[in-house]
Amino acid sequence: MKSTKTKLLLGILVSSLFVYLAFRKIHVEEMLHAFGQLNCWYLLPALLFVFLSLWIRAVRWGYFLRPIKRVNLKALF
């Protein structure tokens, strides 16, 4: 079996390759300009819905696991 360092290095190399392939045609100046035009007020409801969704998932998993063992909602979240 490969060593942990070899697996870590291989994972970093593969991840770096795919990050490069994903962003190679992105122009940094255009991206910064787009972020400058961003209306941050739209992020607040989006973040609220993300955390609400995560909370609902945690509650659902609590109901699924209840017959086996009661798990604290904090541990599920």
Protein backbone atom coordinates (compact mmCIF):
# COMPACT_ATOMS: atom_id res chain seq x y z
CA MET A 1 0.00 0.00 0.00
CA LYS A 2 1.25 3.49 -0.81
CA SER A 3 2.49 5.69 1.96
CA THR A 4 0.41 8.55 3.28
CA LYS A 5 2.84 11.16 1.95
CA THR A 6 2.66 9.70 -1.56
CA LYS A 7 -1.15 9.72 -1.50
CA LEU A 8 -1.17 13.30 -0.22
CA LEU A 9 1.27 14.45 -2.90
CA LEU A 10 -0.67 12.68 -5.63
CA GLY A 11 -3.92 14.24 -4.39
CA ILE A 12 -2.39 17.72 -4.38
CA LEU A 13 -0.99 17.25 -7.89
CA VAL A 14 -4.28 15.99 -9.33
CA SER A 15 -6.24 18.75 -7.58
CA SER A 16 -3.80 21.39 -8.83
CA LEU A 17 -4.12 20.09 -12.38
CA PHE A 18 -7.91 20.31 -12.31
CA VAL A 19 -7.88 23.76 -10.70
CA TYR A 20 -5.55 24.92 -13.48
CA LEU A 21 -7.77 23.38 -16.17
CA ALA A 22 -10.88 24.95 -14.66
CA PHE A 23 -9.45 28.47 -14.38
CA ARG A 24 -6.95 28.71 -17.23
CA LYS A 25 -9.21 30.82 -19.48
CA ILE A 26 -10.39 33.14 -16.70
CA HIS A 27 -9.12 36.72 -16.89
CA VAL A 28 -8.33 37.98 -13.41
CA GLU A 29 -9.14 41.61 -14.23
CA GLU A 30 -12.59 40.72 -15.55
CA MET A 31 -13.28 38.56 -12.53
CA LEU A 32 -12.28 41.35 -10.12
CA HIS A 33 -14.48 43.79 -12.04
CA ALA A 34 -17.42 41.38 -11.80
CA PHE A 35 -16.90 41.02 -8.04
CA GLY A 36 -16.84 44.81 -7.80
CA GLN A 37 -20.29 44.94 -9.41
CA LEU A 38 -21.67 42.34 -7.00
CA ASN A 39 -24.64 43.35 -4.86
CA CYS A 40 -23.87 41.83 -1.46
CA TRP A 41 -27.46 42.13 -0.25
CA TYR A 42 -28.35 39.10 -2.38
CA LEU A 43 -25.87 37.02 -0.41
CA LEU A 44 -27.70 37.41 2.91
CA PRO A 45 -30.87 35.50 1.92
CA ALA A 46 -28.77 32.94 0.06
CA LEU A 47 -26.65 32.25 3.15
CA LEU A 48 -29.78 32.10 5.28
CA PHE A 49 -31.26 29.43 3.01
CA VAL A 50 -27.99 27.46 3.00
CA PHE A 51 -27.88 27.31 6.79
CA LEU A 52 -31.61 26.57 6.97
CA SER A 53 -31.11 23.69 4.54
CA LEU A 54 -28.21 22.32 6.61
CA TRP A 55 -30.28 22.57 9.79
CA ILE A 56 -33.21 20.72 8.17
CA ARG A 57 -30.86 17.97 7.00
CA ALA A 58 -29.45 17.61 10.50
CA VAL A 59 -32.95 17.35 11.99
CA ARG A 60 -33.90 14.77 9.36
CA TRP A 61 -30.83 12.66 10.15
CA GLY A 62 -31.74 12.90 13.82
CA TYR A 63 -35.14 11.38 13.06
CA PHE A 64 -33.54 8.63 10.96
CA LEU A 65 -31.05 7.74 13.68
CA ARG A 66 -33.46 8.00 16.62
CA PRO A 67 -34.42 4.27 16.61
CA ILE A 68 -30.73 3.32 16.75
CA LYS A 69 -29.34 6.00 19.04
CA ARG A 70 -30.29 9.53 20.04
CA VAL A 71 -27.74 11.93 18.60
CA ASN A 72 -27.43 15.54 19.67
CA LEU A 73 -28.50 18.04 16.98
CA LYS A 74 -25.21 19.89 17.45
CA ALA A 75 -23.30 16.71 16.57
CA LEU A 76 -25.46 16.19 13.48
CA PHE A 77 -25.09 19.77 12.26
